All heavy atoms as atom14 arrays in JSON, in Angstrom:
{
  "sequence": "DRKRNAPLPPRKRVSFAASVALLEASTRSDAEEGRRLETRHDERF",
  "atom14_mask": [
    [1, 1, 1, 1, 1, 1, 1, 1, 0, 0, 0, 0, 0, 0],
    [1, 1, 1, 1, 1, 1, 1, 1, 1, 1, 1, 0, 0, 0],
    [1, 1, 1, 1, 1, 1, 1, 1, 1, 0, 0, 0, 0, 0],
    [1, 1, 1, 1, 1, 1, 1, 1, 1, 1, 1, 0, 0, 0],
    [1, 1, 1, 1, 1, 1, 1, 1, 0, 0, 0, 0, 0, 0],
    [1, 1, 1, 1, 1, 0, 0, 0, 0, 0, 0, 0, 0, 0],
    [1, 1, 1, 1, 1, 1, 1, 0, 0, 0, 0, 0, 0, 0],
    [1, 1, 1, 1, 1, 1, 1, 1, 0, 0, 0, 0, 0, 0],
    [1, 1, 1, 1, 1, 1, 1, 0, 0, 0, 0, 0, 0, 0],
    [1, 1, 1, 1, 1, 1, 1, 0, 0, 0, 0, 0, 0, 0],
    [1, 1, 1, 1, 1, 1, 1, 1, 1, 1, 1, 0, 0, 0],
    [1, 1, 1, 1, 1, 1, 1, 1, 1, 0, 0, 0, 0, 0],
    [1, 1, 1, 1, 1, 1, 1, 1, 1, 1, 1, 0, 0, 0],
    [1, 1, 1, 1, 1, 1, 1, 0, 0, 0, 0, 0, 0, 0],
    [1, 1, 1, 1, 1, 1, 0, 0, 0, 0, 0, 0, 0, 0],
    [1, 1, 1, 1, 1, 1, 1, 1, 1, 1, 1, 0, 0, 0],
    [1, 1, 1, 1, 1, 0, 0, 0, 0, 0, 0, 0, 0, 0],
    [1, 1, 1, 1, 1, 0, 0, 0, 0, 0, 0, 0, 0, 0],
    [1, 1, 1, 1, 1, 1, 0, 0, 0, 0, 0, 0, 0, 0],
    [1, 1, 1, 1, 1, 1, 1, 0, 0, 0, 0, 0, 0, 0],
    [1, 1, 1, 1, 1, 0, 0, 0, 0, 0, 0, 0, 0, 0],
    [1, 1, 1, 1, 1, 1, 1, 1, 0, 0, 0, 0, 0, 0],
    [1, 1, 1, 1, 1, 1, 1, 1, 0, 0, 0, 0, 0, 0],
    [1, 1, 1, 1, 1, 1, 1, 1, 1, 0, 0, 0, 0, 0],
    [1, 1, 1, 1, 1, 0, 0, 0, 0, 0, 0, 0, 0, 0],
    [1, 1, 1, 1, 1, 1, 0, 0, 0, 0, 0, 0, 0, 0],
    [1, 1, 1, 1, 1, 1, 1, 0, 0, 0, 0, 0, 0, 0],
    [1, 1, 1, 1, 1, 1, 1, 1, 1, 1, 1, 0, 0, 0],
    [1, 1, 1, 1, 1, 1, 0, 0, 0, 0, 0, 0, 0, 0],
    [1, 1, 1, 1, 1, 1, 1, 1, 0, 0, 0, 0, 0, 0],
    [1, 1, 1, 1, 1, 0, 0, 0, 0, 0, 0, 0, 0, 0],
    [1, 1, 1, 1, 1, 1, 1, 1, 1, 0, 0, 0, 0, 0],
    [1, 1, 1, 1, 1, 1, 1, 1, 1, 0, 0, 0, 0, 0],
    [1, 1, 1, 1, 0, 0, 0, 0, 0, 0, 0, 0, 0, 0],
    [1, 1, 1, 1, 1, 1, 1, 1, 1, 1, 1, 0, 0, 0],
    [1, 1, 1, 1, 1, 1, 1, 1, 1, 1, 1, 0, 0, 0],
    [1, 1, 1, 1, 1, 1, 1, 1, 0, 0, 0, 0, 0, 0],
    [1, 1, 1, 1, 1, 1, 1, 1, 1, 0, 0, 0, 0, 0],
    [1, 1, 1, 1, 1, 1, 1, 0, 0, 0, 0, 0, 0, 0],
    [1, 1, 1, 1, 1, 1, 1, 1, 1, 1, 1, 0, 0, 0],
    [1, 1, 1, 1, 1, 1, 1, 1, 1, 1, 0, 0, 0, 0],
    [1, 1, 1, 1, 1, 1, 1, 1, 0, 0, 0, 0, 0, 0],
    [1, 1, 1, 1, 1, 1, 1, 1, 1, 0, 0, 0, 0, 0],
    [1, 1, 1, 1, 1, 1, 1, 1, 1, 1, 1, 0, 0, 0],
    [1, 1, 1, 1, 1, 1, 1, 1, 1, 1, 1, 0, 0, 0]
  ],
  "atom14_positions": [
    [[104.37, 72.9, 109.91], [105.57, 73.33, 110.66], [105.31, 74.65, 111.36], [105.72, 74.82, 112.53], [106.8, 73.47, 109.71], [107.31, 72.13, 109.24], [106.9, 71.09, 109.83], [108.06, 72.05, 108.28], [0.0, 0.0, 0.0], [0.0, 0.0, 0.0], [0.0, 0.0, 0.0], [0.0, 0.0, 0.0], [0.0, 0.0, 0.0], [0.0, 0.0, 0.0]],
    [[104.63, 75.56, 110.69], [104.34, 76.85, 111.35], [103.46, 76.65, 112.55], [103.62, 77.28, 113.59], [103.66, 77.8, 110.34], [104.67, 78.66, 109.59], [103.93, 79.73, 108.81], [104.17, 79.45, 107.41], [103.22, 79.45, 106.48], [101.98, 79.73, 106.75], [103.5, 79.15, 105.21], [0.0, 0.0, 0.0], [0.0, 0.0, 0.0], [0.0, 0.0, 0.0]],
    [[102.47, 75.79, 112.39], [101.57, 75.49, 113.46], [102.26, 74.89, 114.64], [102.05, 75.19, 115.79], [100.48, 74.56, 112.97], [99.16, 74.72, 113.65], [98.15, 73.73, 113.05], [96.89, 74.46, 112.67], [95.87, 73.55, 112.21], [0.0, 0.0, 0.0], [0.0, 0.0, 0.0], [0.0, 0.0, 0.0], [0.0, 0.0, 0.0], [0.0, 0.0, 0.0]],
    [[103.21, 73.96, 114.34], [103.96, 73.3, 115.4], [104.87, 74.23, 116.12], [105.13, 74.13, 117.32], [104.8, 72.17, 114.76], [105.18, 71.09, 115.74], [105.92, 69.91, 115.09], [105.29, 69.41, 113.91], [105.89, 69.27, 112.73], [107.15, 69.54, 112.59], [105.24, 68.72, 111.69], [0.0, 0.0, 0.0], [0.0, 0.0, 0.0], [0.0, 0.0, 0.0]],
    [[105.46, 75.23, 115.37], [106.4, 76.13, 115.98], [105.72, 77.45, 116.53], [106.42, 78.31, 117.0], [107.48, 76.56, 114.95], [108.34, 75.4, 114.57], [108.47, 74.44, 115.31], [108.84, 75.42, 113.35], [0.0, 0.0, 0.0], [0.0, 0.0, 0.0], [0.0, 0.0, 0.0], [0.0, 0.0, 0.0], [0.0, 0.0, 0.0], [0.0, 0.0, 0.0]],
    [[104.42, 77.48, 116.45], [103.76, 78.7, 116.97], [103.88, 78.77, 118.46], [103.95, 77.75, 119.15], [102.28, 78.63, 116.55], [0.0, 0.0, 0.0], [0.0, 0.0, 0.0], [0.0, 0.0, 0.0], [0.0, 0.0, 0.0], [0.0, 0.0, 0.0], [0.0, 0.0, 0.0], [0.0, 0.0, 0.0], [0.0, 0.0, 0.0], [0.0, 0.0, 0.0]],
    [[103.93, 79.96, 118.99], [104.05, 80.12, 120.44], [102.8, 79.57, 121.15], [101.7, 79.66, 120.62], [104.17, 81.61, 120.69], [103.68, 82.25, 119.44], [103.84, 81.31, 118.31], [0.0, 0.0, 0.0], [0.0, 0.0, 0.0], [0.0, 0.0, 0.0], [0.0, 0.0, 0.0], [0.0, 0.0, 0.0], [0.0, 0.0, 0.0], [0.0, 0.0, 0.0]],
    [[103.03, 79.06, 122.28], [101.89, 78.49, 123.09], [101.09, 79.66, 123.67], [101.61, 80.7, 124.05], [102.42, 77.64, 124.21], [103.15, 76.37, 123.79], [103.75, 75.66, 125.04], [102.23, 75.44, 123.08], [0.0, 0.0, 0.0], [0.0, 0.0, 0.0], [0.0, 0.0, 0.0], [0.0, 0.0, 0.0], [0.0, 0.0, 0.0], [0.0, 0.0, 0.0]],
    [[99.79, 79.5, 123.75], [98.95, 80.53, 124.35], [99.27, 80.65, 125.81], [99.73, 79.68, 126.44], [97.52, 80.02, 124.12], [97.66, 78.55, 123.93], [98.98, 78.32, 123.31], [0.0, 0.0, 0.0], [0.0, 0.0, 0.0], [0.0, 0.0, 0.0], [0.0, 0.0, 0.0], [0.0, 0.0, 0.0], [0.0, 0.0, 0.0], [0.0, 0.0, 0.0]],
    [[99.07, 81.8, 126.42], [99.29, 81.97, 127.83], [98.48, 80.99, 128.67], [97.33, 80.74, 128.33], [99.0, 83.43, 128.15], [98.16, 83.91, 126.99], [98.49, 82.98, 125.83], [0.0, 0.0, 0.0], [0.0, 0.0, 0.0], [0.0, 0.0, 0.0], [0.0, 0.0, 0.0], [0.0, 0.0, 0.0], [0.0, 0.0, 0.0], [0.0, 0.0, 0.0]],
    [[99.02, 80.49, 129.73], [98.29, 79.59, 130.58], [97.2, 80.3, 131.34], [97.38, 81.46, 131.74], [99.23, 78.89, 131.58], [100.25, 77.98, 130.89], [101.09, 77.28, 131.95], [102.03, 76.41, 131.28], [101.96, 75.09, 131.3], [100.96, 74.53, 131.93], [102.84, 74.38, 130.7], [0.0, 0.0, 0.0], [0.0, 0.0, 0.0], [0.0, 0.0, 0.0]],
    [[96.11, 79.61, 131.57], [95.01, 80.18, 132.3], [95.31, 80.03, 133.79], [95.88, 79.07, 134.24], [93.69, 79.49, 131.96], [93.29, 79.74, 130.5], [91.99, 79.12, 130.25], [91.58, 79.39, 128.78], [90.34, 78.81, 128.43], [0.0, 0.0, 0.0], [0.0, 0.0, 0.0], [0.0, 0.0, 0.0], [0.0, 0.0, 0.0], [0.0, 0.0, 0.0]],
    [[94.9, 81.02, 134.58], [95.12, 80.96, 135.99], [93.77, 80.73, 136.67], [92.7, 81.16, 136.22], [95.67, 82.28, 136.51], [97.08, 82.49, 135.97], [97.62, 83.82, 136.42], [98.99, 83.95, 136.03], [99.97, 84.18, 136.91], [99.72, 84.32, 138.17], [101.21, 84.24, 136.46], [0.0, 0.0, 0.0], [0.0, 0.0, 0.0], [0.0, 0.0, 0.0]],
    [[93.82, 79.98, 137.77], [92.62, 79.64, 138.54], [92.86, 80.22, 139.94], [93.94, 79.99, 140.53], [92.43, 78.11, 138.59], [91.21, 77.77, 139.38], [92.34, 77.55, 137.16], [0.0, 0.0, 0.0], [0.0, 0.0, 0.0], [0.0, 0.0, 0.0], [0.0, 0.0, 0.0], [0.0, 0.0, 0.0], [0.0, 0.0, 0.0], [0.0, 0.0, 0.0]],
    [[91.82, 80.89, 140.45], [92.0, 81.4, 141.82], [90.99, 80.61, 142.71], [89.91, 80.27, 142.32], [91.72, 82.91, 141.87], [90.42, 83.17, 141.39], [0.0, 0.0, 0.0], [0.0, 0.0, 0.0], [0.0, 0.0, 0.0], [0.0, 0.0, 0.0], [0.0, 0.0, 0.0], [0.0, 0.0, 0.0], [0.0, 0.0, 0.0], [0.0, 0.0, 0.0]],
    [[91.43, 80.4, 143.99], [90.63, 79.71, 144.96], [90.43, 80.57, 146.17], [91.27, 81.41, 146.51], [91.31, 78.41, 145.37], [91.47, 77.41, 144.26], [92.65, 77.33, 143.55], [90.42, 76.58, 143.92], [92.78, 76.4, 142.51], [90.58, 75.67, 142.88], [91.72, 75.59, 142.18], [0.0, 0.0, 0.0], [0.0, 0.0, 0.0], [0.0, 0.0, 0.0]],
    [[89.35, 80.35, 146.86], [89.14, 81.06, 148.13], [90.18, 80.59, 149.12], [90.73, 79.48, 148.99], [87.73, 80.73, 148.66], [0.0, 0.0, 0.0], [0.0, 0.0, 0.0], [0.0, 0.0, 0.0], [0.0, 0.0, 0.0], [0.0, 0.0, 0.0], [0.0, 0.0, 0.0], [0.0, 0.0, 0.0], [0.0, 0.0, 0.0], [0.0, 0.0, 0.0]],
    [[90.51, 81.42, 150.1], [91.49, 81.09, 151.09], [91.14, 79.82, 151.85], [92.03, 78.98, 152.14], [91.68, 82.24, 152.09], [0.0, 0.0, 0.0], [0.0, 0.0, 0.0], [0.0, 0.0, 0.0], [0.0, 0.0, 0.0], [0.0, 0.0, 0.0], [0.0, 0.0, 0.0], [0.0, 0.0, 0.0], [0.0, 0.0, 0.0], [0.0, 0.0, 0.0]],
    [[89.91, 79.61, 152.15], [89.49, 78.41, 152.87], [89.75, 77.13, 152.07], [90.17, 76.12, 152.6], [88.03, 78.51, 153.24], [87.25, 78.61, 152.1], [0.0, 0.0, 0.0], [0.0, 0.0, 0.0], [0.0, 0.0, 0.0], [0.0, 0.0, 0.0], [0.0, 0.0, 0.0], [0.0, 0.0, 0.0], [0.0, 0.0, 0.0], [0.0, 0.0, 0.0]],
    [[89.56, 77.21, 150.77], [89.8, 76.05, 149.9], [91.28, 75.74, 149.85], [91.72, 74.58, 149.92], [89.22, 76.27, 148.49], [89.58, 75.17, 147.56], [87.73, 76.45, 148.55], [0.0, 0.0, 0.0], [0.0, 0.0, 0.0], [0.0, 0.0, 0.0], [0.0, 0.0, 0.0], [0.0, 0.0, 0.0], [0.0, 0.0, 0.0], [0.0, 0.0, 0.0]],
    [[92.08, 76.77, 149.67], [93.54, 76.55, 149.65], [94.04, 75.99, 150.94], [94.88, 75.07, 150.94], [94.26, 77.88, 149.35], [0.0, 0.0, 0.0], [0.0, 0.0, 0.0], [0.0, 0.0, 0.0], [0.0, 0.0, 0.0], [0.0, 0.0, 0.0], [0.0, 0.0, 0.0], [0.0, 0.0, 0.0], [0.0, 0.0, 0.0], [0.0, 0.0, 0.0]],
    [[93.5, 76.46, 152.08], [93.95, 75.97, 153.37], [93.49, 74.47, 153.54], [94.23, 73.66, 154.05], [93.38, 76.86, 154.48], [93.78, 76.48, 155.9], [95.28, 76.54, 156.05], [93.11, 77.39, 156.87], [0.0, 0.0, 0.0], [0.0, 0.0, 0.0], [0.0, 0.0, 0.0], [0.0, 0.0, 0.0], [0.0, 0.0, 0.0], [0.0, 0.0, 0.0]],
    [[92.28, 74.18, 153.06], [91.81, 72.78, 153.16], [92.66, 71.85, 152.34], [92.98, 70.74, 152.75], [90.36, 72.74, 152.68], [89.67, 71.4, 152.7], [89.54, 70.85, 154.12], [88.28, 71.49, 152.01], [0.0, 0.0, 0.0], [0.0, 0.0, 0.0], [0.0, 0.0, 0.0], [0.0, 0.0, 0.0], [0.0, 0.0, 0.0], [0.0, 0.0, 0.0]],
    [[93.04, 72.29, 151.1], [93.86, 71.48, 150.23], [95.24, 71.27, 150.87], [95.77, 70.13, 150.82], [93.97, 72.12, 148.86], [94.57, 71.31, 147.78], [96.08, 71.35, 147.71], [96.68, 72.36, 148.14], [96.67, 70.35, 147.25], [0.0, 0.0, 0.0], [0.0, 0.0, 0.0], [0.0, 0.0, 0.0], [0.0, 0.0, 0.0], [0.0, 0.0, 0.0]],
    [[95.8, 72.31, 151.47], [97.11, 72.12, 152.12], [97.03, 71.17, 153.31], [97.93, 70.34, 153.5], [97.64, 73.52, 152.55], [0.0, 0.0, 0.0], [0.0, 0.0, 0.0], [0.0, 0.0, 0.0], [0.0, 0.0, 0.0], [0.0, 0.0, 0.0], [0.0, 0.0, 0.0], [0.0, 0.0, 0.0], [0.0, 0.0, 0.0], [0.0, 0.0, 0.0]],
    [[95.94, 71.23, 154.04], [95.8, 70.33, 155.17], [95.59, 68.9, 154.73], [96.06, 67.97, 155.41], [94.64, 70.79, 156.1], [93.43, 70.71, 155.38], [0.0, 0.0, 0.0], [0.0, 0.0, 0.0], [0.0, 0.0, 0.0], [0.0, 0.0, 0.0], [0.0, 0.0, 0.0], [0.0, 0.0, 0.0], [0.0, 0.0, 0.0], [0.0, 0.0, 0.0]],
    [[94.88, 68.63, 153.62], [94.7, 67.27, 153.15], [96.04, 66.66, 152.7], [96.21, 65.47, 152.76], [93.7, 67.17, 152.0], [94.12, 68.0, 150.93], [92.28, 67.6, 152.45], [0.0, 0.0, 0.0], [0.0, 0.0, 0.0], [0.0, 0.0, 0.0], [0.0, 0.0, 0.0], [0.0, 0.0, 0.0], [0.0, 0.0, 0.0], [0.0, 0.0, 0.0]],
    [[96.94, 67.52, 152.28], [98.26, 66.98, 151.89], [99.27, 66.96, 153.06], [100.42, 66.62, 152.92], [98.9, 67.89, 150.8], [98.22, 67.76, 149.46], [98.92, 68.52, 148.33], [98.76, 69.98, 148.55], [99.75, 70.85, 148.76], [101.01, 70.44, 148.82], [99.48, 72.13, 148.93], [0.0, 0.0, 0.0], [0.0, 0.0, 0.0], [0.0, 0.0, 0.0]],
    [[98.76, 67.37, 154.26], [99.58, 67.43, 155.43], [100.77, 68.35, 155.24], [101.89, 68.06, 155.67], [100.04, 66.05, 155.84], [98.94, 65.22, 156.14], [0.0, 0.0, 0.0], [0.0, 0.0, 0.0], [0.0, 0.0, 0.0], [0.0, 0.0, 0.0], [0.0, 0.0, 0.0], [0.0, 0.0, 0.0], [0.0, 0.0, 0.0], [0.0, 0.0, 0.0]],
    [[100.57, 69.47, 154.58], [101.6, 70.43, 154.31], [101.51, 71.56, 155.33], [100.85, 72.56, 155.15], [101.51, 70.98, 152.87], [102.7, 71.79, 152.46], [103.53, 72.15, 153.3], [102.8, 72.06, 151.25], [0.0, 0.0, 0.0], [0.0, 0.0, 0.0], [0.0, 0.0, 0.0], [0.0, 0.0, 0.0], [0.0, 0.0, 0.0], [0.0, 0.0, 0.0]],
    [[102.17, 71.35, 156.47], [102.07, 72.3, 157.56], [102.68, 73.65, 157.2], [102.16, 74.74, 157.58], [102.77, 71.73, 158.79], [0.0, 0.0, 0.0], [0.0, 0.0, 0.0], [0.0, 0.0, 0.0], [0.0, 0.0, 0.0], [0.0, 0.0, 0.0], [0.0, 0.0, 0.0], [0.0, 0.0, 0.0], [0.0, 0.0, 0.0], [0.0, 0.0, 0.0]],
    [[103.79, 73.63, 156.42], [104.45, 74.86, 156.02], [103.49, 75.76, 155.2], [103.37, 76.96, 155.48], [105.74, 74.59, 155.27], [106.53, 75.81, 154.91], [107.79, 75.45, 154.14], [108.44, 74.45, 154.54], [108.12, 76.19, 153.22], [0.0, 0.0, 0.0], [0.0, 0.0, 0.0], [0.0, 0.0, 0.0], [0.0, 0.0, 0.0], [0.0, 0.0, 0.0]],
    [[102.88, 75.17, 154.23], [101.94, 75.94, 153.39], [100.72, 76.4, 154.23], [100.25, 77.51, 154.04], [101.49, 75.16, 152.16], [100.63, 75.95, 151.2], [100.25, 75.3, 149.93], [100.63, 74.11, 149.76], [99.57, 75.9, 149.17], [0.0, 0.0, 0.0], [0.0, 0.0, 0.0], [0.0, 0.0, 0.0], [0.0, 0.0, 0.0], [0.0, 0.0, 0.0]],
    [[100.27, 75.58, 155.1], [99.16, 75.95, 156.0], [99.5, 77.19, 156.83], [98.68, 78.08, 156.94], [0.0, 0.0, 0.0], [0.0, 0.0, 0.0], [0.0, 0.0, 0.0], [0.0, 0.0, 0.0], [0.0, 0.0, 0.0], [0.0, 0.0, 0.0], [0.0, 0.0, 0.0], [0.0, 0.0, 0.0], [0.0, 0.0, 0.0], [0.0, 0.0, 0.0]],
    [[100.73, 77.2, 157.43], [101.14, 78.38, 158.17], [101.24, 79.61, 157.3], [100.8, 80.67, 157.69], [102.5, 78.12, 158.82], [102.34, 77.32, 160.12], [103.7, 77.27, 160.87], [103.83, 75.88, 161.31], [104.57, 74.98, 160.77], [105.32, 75.24, 159.74], [104.62, 73.74, 161.26], [0.0, 0.0, 0.0], [0.0, 0.0, 0.0], [0.0, 0.0, 0.0]],
    [[101.78, 79.41, 156.09], [101.91, 80.55, 155.13], [100.54, 81.1, 154.81], [100.29, 82.31, 154.74], [102.64, 80.13, 153.89], [102.92, 81.22, 152.92], [103.69, 80.78, 151.67], [103.09, 79.69, 150.96], [102.14, 79.85, 150.06], [101.67, 81.02, 149.76], [101.61, 78.8, 149.45], [0.0, 0.0, 0.0], [0.0, 0.0, 0.0], [0.0, 0.0, 0.0]],
    [[99.57, 80.24, 154.56], [98.2, 80.66, 154.2], [97.52, 81.38, 155.39], [96.74, 82.26, 155.2], [97.37, 79.47, 153.72], [97.8, 78.86, 152.38], [97.04, 77.56, 152.12], [97.57, 79.85, 151.28], [0.0, 0.0, 0.0], [0.0, 0.0, 0.0], [0.0, 0.0, 0.0], [0.0, 0.0, 0.0], [0.0, 0.0, 0.0], [0.0, 0.0, 0.0]],
    [[97.81, 80.86, 156.57], [97.18, 81.51, 157.72], [97.71, 82.9, 158.01], [97.0, 83.75, 158.49], [97.42, 80.65, 159.04], [96.6, 79.41, 159.03], [96.97, 78.5, 160.28], [98.0, 78.72, 160.87], [96.16, 77.63, 160.5], [0.0, 0.0, 0.0], [0.0, 0.0, 0.0], [0.0, 0.0, 0.0], [0.0, 0.0, 0.0], [0.0, 0.0, 0.0]],
    [[98.95, 83.19, 157.63], [99.56, 84.49, 157.92], [99.16, 85.51, 156.81], [99.34, 86.69, 157.02], [101.05, 84.39, 157.97], [101.57, 83.88, 156.75], [101.53, 83.5, 159.12], [0.0, 0.0, 0.0], [0.0, 0.0, 0.0], [0.0, 0.0, 0.0], [0.0, 0.0, 0.0], [0.0, 0.0, 0.0], [0.0, 0.0, 0.0], [0.0, 0.0, 0.0]],
    [[98.7, 85.02, 155.72], [98.27, 85.94, 154.61], [96.97, 86.61, 154.98], [96.11, 86.07, 155.66], [98.09, 85.17, 153.28], [99.38, 84.83, 152.66], [99.12, 84.43, 151.27], [99.9, 85.33, 150.38], [99.82, 85.32, 149.12], [99.0, 84.51, 148.5], [100.55, 86.14, 148.38], [0.0, 0.0, 0.0], [0.0, 0.0, 0.0], [0.0, 0.0, 0.0]],
    [[96.85, 87.83, 154.49], [95.66, 88.62, 154.8], [94.68, 88.67, 153.61], [93.59, 89.16, 153.76], [96.0, 90.06, 155.21], [96.88, 90.1, 156.4], [96.36, 89.8, 157.66], [98.16, 90.37, 156.59], [97.36, 89.91, 158.54], [98.49, 90.27, 157.92], [0.0, 0.0, 0.0], [0.0, 0.0, 0.0], [0.0, 0.0, 0.0], [0.0, 0.0, 0.0]],
    [[95.06, 88.02, 152.52], [94.23, 88.08, 151.31], [93.07, 87.07, 151.52], [93.24, 86.06, 152.14], [95.0, 87.66, 150.05], [96.11, 88.63, 149.73], [96.01, 89.77, 150.19], [97.02, 88.25, 149.0], [0.0, 0.0, 0.0], [0.0, 0.0, 0.0], [0.0, 0.0, 0.0], [0.0, 0.0, 0.0], [0.0, 0.0, 0.0], [0.0, 0.0, 0.0]],
    [[91.95, 87.47, 150.93], [90.81, 86.53, 150.94], [90.94, 85.43, 149.91], [90.41, 84.35, 150.06], [89.54, 87.34, 150.67], [89.01, 88.07, 151.89], [88.64, 87.08, 153.01], [87.91, 86.11, 152.73], [89.05, 87.28, 154.13], [0.0, 0.0, 0.0], [0.0, 0.0, 0.0], [0.0, 0.0, 0.0], [0.0, 0.0, 0.0], [0.0, 0.0, 0.0]],
    [[91.63, 85.71, 148.8], [91.73, 84.73, 147.69], [93.19, 84.54, 147.36], [94.02, 85.47, 147.48], [90.99, 85.19, 146.46], [89.48, 85.35, 146.73], [88.78, 85.99, 145.55], [88.82, 85.14, 144.38], [87.87, 84.18, 144.18], [86.92, 84.01, 144.98], [87.95, 83.46, 143.05], [0.0, 0.0, 0.0], [0.0, 0.0, 0.0], [0.0, 0.0, 0.0]],
    [[93.57, 83.35, 146.94], [94.94, 83.05, 146.6], [94.98, 82.66, 145.11], [94.0, 82.06, 144.6], [95.49, 81.87, 147.41], [95.53, 82.2, 148.91], [94.51, 81.76, 149.71], [96.52, 83.02, 149.41], [94.56, 82.05, 151.05], [96.52, 83.3, 150.71], [95.55, 82.83, 151.6], [0.0, 0.0, 0.0], [0.0, 0.0, 0.0], [0.0, 0.0, 0.0]]
  ]
}
């Protein structure tokens, strides 16, 4: 019961290069996300 009620560990985060994120958005035909990614100045998302 203690094991079952224990808090979950924090989720791991994964970062991608801007080009990969833009490629993924374009494969989903998500124009809005593509525009958002183009306007960002960060190299990684």
